[in-house]
């Protein structure tokens, strides 16, 4: 998403808040709203990993988070590079 904002020559804030970045991207392209829910979920992990509590993340949660991150990455990559496949 930061790459998309750079492409739009938008001076985005220094943040790991995917929800905030997604909302900024959606101001240029409303299709970013399709990944907003995934961004909201993943943003929670950013603060959780920086300030861990006693609660561990379950394996199914990890797999779900990876799937969401891949979906966001592939979506943004396609917007930035519409005729190329994202690298693995």
N, C-alpha and C. Protein backbone atom coordinates (compact mmCIF):
# COMPACT_ATOMS: atom_id res chain seq x y z
N UNK A 1 0.82 -1.18 0.00
CA UNK A 1 0.00 0.00 0.00
C UNK A 1 0.87 1.25 0.00
N UNK A 2 1.99 1.20 0.69
CA UNK A 2 2.89 2.35 0.67
C UNK A 2 3.41 2.57 -0.75
N UNK A 3 3.67 1.48 -1.47
CA UNK A 3 4.11 1.60 -2.86
C UNK A 3 3.06 2.29 -3.72
N UNK A 4 1.81 1.97 -3.49
CA UNK A 4 0.72 2.62 -4.22
C UNK A 4 0.69 4.11 -3.90
N UNK A 5 0.84 4.46 -2.63
CA UNK A 5 0.83 5.86 -2.24
C UNK A 5 2.03 6.61 -2.82
N UNK A 6 3.18 5.94 -2.89
CA UNK A 6 4.35 6.55 -3.52
C UNK A 6 4.06 6.81 -4.99
N UNK A 7 3.45 5.83 -5.65
CA UNK A 7 3.09 5.97 -7.06
C UNK A 7 2.16 7.17 -7.27
N UNK A 8 1.31 7.44 -6.31
CA UNK A 8 0.39 8.58 -6.38
C UNK A 8 1.03 9.87 -5.89
N UNK A 9 2.33 9.78 -5.53
CA UNK A 9 3.09 10.93 -5.02
C UNK A 9 2.45 11.53 -3.78
N UNK A 10 1.95 10.64 -2.93
CA UNK A 10 1.32 11.04 -1.68
C UNK A 10 2.32 10.86 -0.54
N UNK A 11 2.49 11.88 0.26
CA UNK A 11 3.41 11.83 1.39
C UNK A 11 2.71 11.18 2.57
N UNK A 12 2.81 9.86 2.66
CA UNK A 12 2.10 9.10 3.69
C UNK A 12 2.83 9.13 5.02
N UNK A 13 2.11 8.89 6.11
CA UNK A 13 2.73 8.91 7.44
C UNK A 13 3.57 7.65 7.68
N UNK A 14 4.58 7.79 8.53
CA UNK A 14 5.36 6.64 8.96
C UNK A 14 4.50 5.86 9.94
N UNK A 15 4.00 4.70 9.50
CA UNK A 15 3.11 3.92 10.35
C UNK A 15 3.09 2.47 9.90
N UNK A 16 2.75 1.59 10.82
CA UNK A 16 2.50 0.18 10.51
C UNK A 16 1.00 -0.11 10.57
N UNK A 17 0.21 0.92 10.66
CA UNK A 17 -1.24 0.80 10.77
C UNK A 17 -1.82 0.55 9.38
N UNK A 18 -2.04 -0.72 9.05
CA UNK A 18 -2.54 -1.08 7.72
C UNK A 18 -3.93 -0.52 7.46
N UNK A 19 -4.74 -0.44 8.49
CA UNK A 19 -6.08 0.13 8.32
C UNK A 19 -5.97 1.58 7.85
N UNK A 20 -5.12 2.34 8.49
CA UNK A 20 -4.94 3.75 8.13
C UNK A 20 -4.41 3.88 6.70
N UNK A 21 -3.42 3.05 6.36
CA UNK A 21 -2.86 3.09 5.01
C UNK A 21 -3.91 2.71 3.96
N UNK A 22 -4.72 1.72 4.28
CA UNK A 22 -5.76 1.28 3.36
C UNK A 22 -6.79 2.39 3.13
N UNK A 23 -7.16 3.07 4.18
CA UNK A 23 -8.11 4.18 4.05
C UNK A 23 -7.51 5.28 3.18
N UNK A 24 -6.23 5.57 3.38
CA UNK A 24 -5.57 6.57 2.53
C UNK A 24 -5.57 6.13 1.06
N UNK A 25 -5.27 4.87 0.82
CA UNK A 25 -5.27 4.34 -0.55
C UNK A 25 -6.67 4.42 -1.16
N UNK A 26 -7.68 4.16 -0.36
CA UNK A 26 -9.05 4.16 -0.88
C UNK A 26 -9.51 5.55 -1.29
N UNK A 27 -8.82 6.59 -0.83
CA UNK A 27 -9.14 7.94 -1.28
C UNK A 27 -8.77 8.13 -2.76
N UNK A 28 -7.81 7.33 -3.24
CA UNK A 28 -7.41 7.37 -4.64
C UNK A 28 -8.12 6.29 -5.45
N UNK A 29 -8.39 5.15 -4.82
CA UNK A 29 -8.99 4.01 -5.52
C UNK A 29 -9.88 3.26 -4.53
N UNK A 30 -11.18 3.37 -4.71
CA UNK A 30 -12.13 2.78 -3.75
C UNK A 30 -12.07 1.26 -3.71
N UNK A 31 -11.43 0.63 -4.67
CA UNK A 31 -11.33 -0.83 -4.63
C UNK A 31 -10.49 -1.32 -3.44
N UNK A 32 -9.71 -0.43 -2.84
CA UNK A 32 -8.95 -0.81 -1.64
C UNK A 32 -9.88 -1.17 -0.48
N UNK A 33 -11.12 -0.71 -0.54
CA UNK A 33 -12.08 -1.07 0.51
C UNK A 33 -12.30 -2.57 0.58
N UNK A 34 -12.01 -3.28 -0.50
CA UNK A 34 -12.20 -4.74 -0.51
C UNK A 34 -11.23 -5.47 0.41
N UNK A 35 -10.13 -4.83 0.78
CA UNK A 35 -9.17 -5.47 1.69
C UNK A 35 -9.12 -4.78 3.06
N UNK A 36 -10.02 -3.85 3.29
CA UNK A 36 -10.01 -3.09 4.55
C UNK A 36 -10.19 -3.99 5.76
N UNK A 37 -11.11 -4.94 5.71
CA UNK A 37 -11.32 -5.83 6.86
C UNK A 37 -10.06 -6.62 7.19
N UNK A 38 -9.35 -7.10 6.16
CA UNK A 38 -8.10 -7.83 6.41
C UNK A 38 -7.07 -6.90 7.04
N UNK A 39 -7.02 -5.66 6.59
CA UNK A 39 -6.08 -4.69 7.15
C UNK A 39 -6.36 -4.43 8.63
N UNK A 40 -7.63 -4.34 8.96
CA UNK A 40 -8.02 -4.11 10.36
C UNK A 40 -7.52 -5.24 11.24
N UNK A 41 -7.71 -6.48 10.78
CA UNK A 41 -7.27 -7.64 11.56
C UNK A 41 -5.75 -7.65 11.70
N UNK A 42 -5.03 -7.43 10.61
CA UNK A 42 -3.57 -7.51 10.66
C UNK A 42 -2.95 -6.39 11.46
N UNK A 43 -3.57 -5.24 11.49
CA UNK A 43 -3.04 -4.13 12.29
C UNK A 43 -2.96 -4.51 13.77
N UNK A 44 -3.90 -5.30 14.22
CA UNK A 44 -3.90 -5.76 15.61
C UNK A 44 -2.64 -6.57 15.92
N UNK A 45 -2.18 -7.36 14.94
CA UNK A 45 -0.97 -8.17 15.15
C UNK A 45 0.28 -7.33 15.24
N UNK A 46 0.30 -6.19 14.57
CA UNK A 46 1.47 -5.31 14.62
C UNK A 46 1.73 -4.85 16.05
N UNK A 47 0.68 -4.40 16.73
CA UNK A 47 0.87 -3.94 18.11
C UNK A 47 1.06 -5.12 19.06
N UNK A 48 0.40 -6.24 18.75
CA UNK A 48 0.52 -7.42 19.61
C UNK A 48 1.95 -7.97 19.57
N UNK A 49 2.58 -7.95 18.41
CA UNK A 49 3.94 -8.49 18.31
C UNK A 49 4.96 -7.52 18.91
N UNK A 50 4.66 -6.24 18.90
CA UNK A 50 5.57 -5.26 19.50
C UNK A 50 5.45 -5.24 21.03
N UNK A 51 4.25 -5.50 21.51
CA UNK A 51 3.99 -5.47 22.95
C UNK A 51 3.30 -6.77 23.36
N UNK A 52 4.05 -7.87 23.31
CA UNK A 52 3.43 -9.17 23.57
C UNK A 52 2.94 -9.31 25.01
N UNK A 53 1.83 -9.99 25.11
CA UNK A 53 1.30 -10.33 26.43
C UNK A 53 1.56 -11.82 26.64
N UNK A 54 0.95 -12.39 27.64
CA UNK A 54 1.14 -13.82 27.90
C UNK A 54 0.40 -14.69 26.89
N UNK A 55 -0.51 -14.10 26.17
CA UNK A 55 -1.34 -14.85 25.22
C UNK A 55 -0.56 -15.15 23.94
N UNK A 56 -0.50 -16.43 23.58
CA UNK A 56 0.17 -16.83 22.35
C UNK A 56 -0.84 -16.88 21.21
N UNK A 57 -0.34 -16.71 20.01
CA UNK A 57 -1.18 -16.77 18.83
C UNK A 57 -1.28 -18.23 18.38
N UNK A 58 -2.51 -18.68 18.18
CA UNK A 58 -2.76 -20.06 17.76
C UNK A 58 -2.32 -20.26 16.31
N UNK A 59 -2.00 -21.52 15.96
CA UNK A 59 -1.54 -21.83 14.60
C UNK A 59 -2.57 -21.44 13.54
N UNK A 60 -3.85 -21.70 13.79
CA UNK A 60 -4.87 -21.35 12.80
C UNK A 60 -4.97 -19.84 12.61
N UNK A 61 -4.71 -19.08 13.70
CA UNK A 61 -4.70 -17.62 13.58
C UNK A 61 -3.52 -17.16 12.73
N UNK A 62 -2.38 -17.81 12.92
CA UNK A 62 -1.20 -17.50 12.14
C UNK A 62 -1.44 -17.75 10.66
N UNK A 63 -2.02 -18.91 10.35
CA UNK A 63 -2.31 -19.25 8.96
C UNK A 63 -3.31 -18.26 8.35
N UNK A 64 -4.31 -17.87 9.11
CA UNK A 64 -5.29 -16.90 8.64
C UNK A 64 -4.64 -15.54 8.39
N UNK A 65 -3.75 -15.13 9.28
CA UNK A 65 -3.06 -13.85 9.12
C UNK A 65 -2.17 -13.86 7.88
N UNK A 66 -1.49 -14.97 7.66
CA UNK A 66 -0.64 -15.08 6.46
C UNK A 66 -1.49 -14.99 5.21
N UNK A 67 -2.63 -15.66 5.21
CA UNK A 67 -3.54 -15.62 4.06
C UNK A 67 -4.02 -14.19 3.81
N UNK A 68 -4.38 -13.48 4.86
CA UNK A 68 -4.83 -12.09 4.73
C UNK A 68 -3.70 -11.21 4.17
N UNK A 69 -2.50 -11.39 4.70
CA UNK A 69 -1.36 -10.60 4.23
C UNK A 69 -1.08 -10.87 2.76
N UNK A 70 -1.14 -12.12 2.35
CA UNK A 70 -0.93 -12.46 0.95
C UNK A 70 -2.02 -11.84 0.07
N UNK A 71 -3.25 -11.87 0.54
CA UNK A 71 -4.35 -11.29 -0.23
C UNK A 71 -4.15 -9.78 -0.41
N UNK A 72 -3.75 -9.09 0.65
CA UNK A 72 -3.50 -7.64 0.56
C UNK A 72 -2.33 -7.37 -0.38
N UNK A 73 -1.26 -8.12 -0.21
CA UNK A 73 -0.07 -7.93 -1.05
C UNK A 73 -0.41 -8.13 -2.52
N UNK A 74 -1.08 -9.23 -2.84
CA UNK A 74 -1.43 -9.53 -4.22
C UNK A 74 -2.37 -8.47 -4.80
N UNK A 75 -3.31 -8.02 -4.00
CA UNK A 75 -4.23 -6.98 -4.44
C UNK A 75 -3.48 -5.70 -4.77
N UNK A 76 -2.65 -5.23 -3.85
CA UNK A 76 -1.90 -3.99 -4.06
C UNK A 76 -0.92 -4.13 -5.23
N UNK A 77 -0.28 -5.28 -5.33
CA UNK A 77 0.67 -5.50 -6.42
C UNK A 77 -0.04 -5.40 -7.77
N UNK A 78 -1.22 -5.98 -7.86
CA UNK A 78 -1.97 -5.94 -9.12
C UNK A 78 -2.38 -4.51 -9.49
N UNK A 79 -2.71 -3.70 -8.49
CA UNK A 79 -3.07 -2.30 -8.74
C UNK A 79 -1.85 -1.53 -9.25
N UNK A 80 -0.69 -1.78 -8.63
CA UNK A 80 0.53 -1.05 -8.99
C UNK A 80 1.10 -1.55 -10.33
N UNK A 81 1.04 -2.86 -10.53
CA UNK A 81 1.61 -3.50 -11.73
C UNK A 81 0.54 -4.34 -12.41
N UNK A 82 -0.41 -3.72 -13.09
CA UNK A 82 -1.59 -4.45 -13.56
C UNK A 82 -1.35 -5.60 -14.53
N UNK A 83 -0.26 -5.65 -15.23
CA UNK A 83 -0.07 -6.70 -16.23
C UNK A 83 1.02 -7.69 -15.88
N UNK A 84 1.41 -7.73 -14.62
CA UNK A 84 2.46 -8.66 -14.21
C UNK A 84 1.99 -9.49 -13.03
N UNK A 85 2.56 -10.66 -12.90
CA UNK A 85 2.26 -11.54 -11.75
C UNK A 85 3.14 -11.15 -10.57
N UNK A 86 2.57 -11.19 -9.36
CA UNK A 86 3.40 -10.89 -8.18
C UNK A 86 4.47 -11.97 -7.98
N UNK A 87 5.66 -11.59 -7.57
CA UNK A 87 6.69 -12.58 -7.29
C UNK A 87 6.30 -13.41 -6.07
N UNK A 88 6.75 -14.62 -6.05
CA UNK A 88 6.43 -15.52 -4.91
C UNK A 88 7.32 -15.29 -3.75
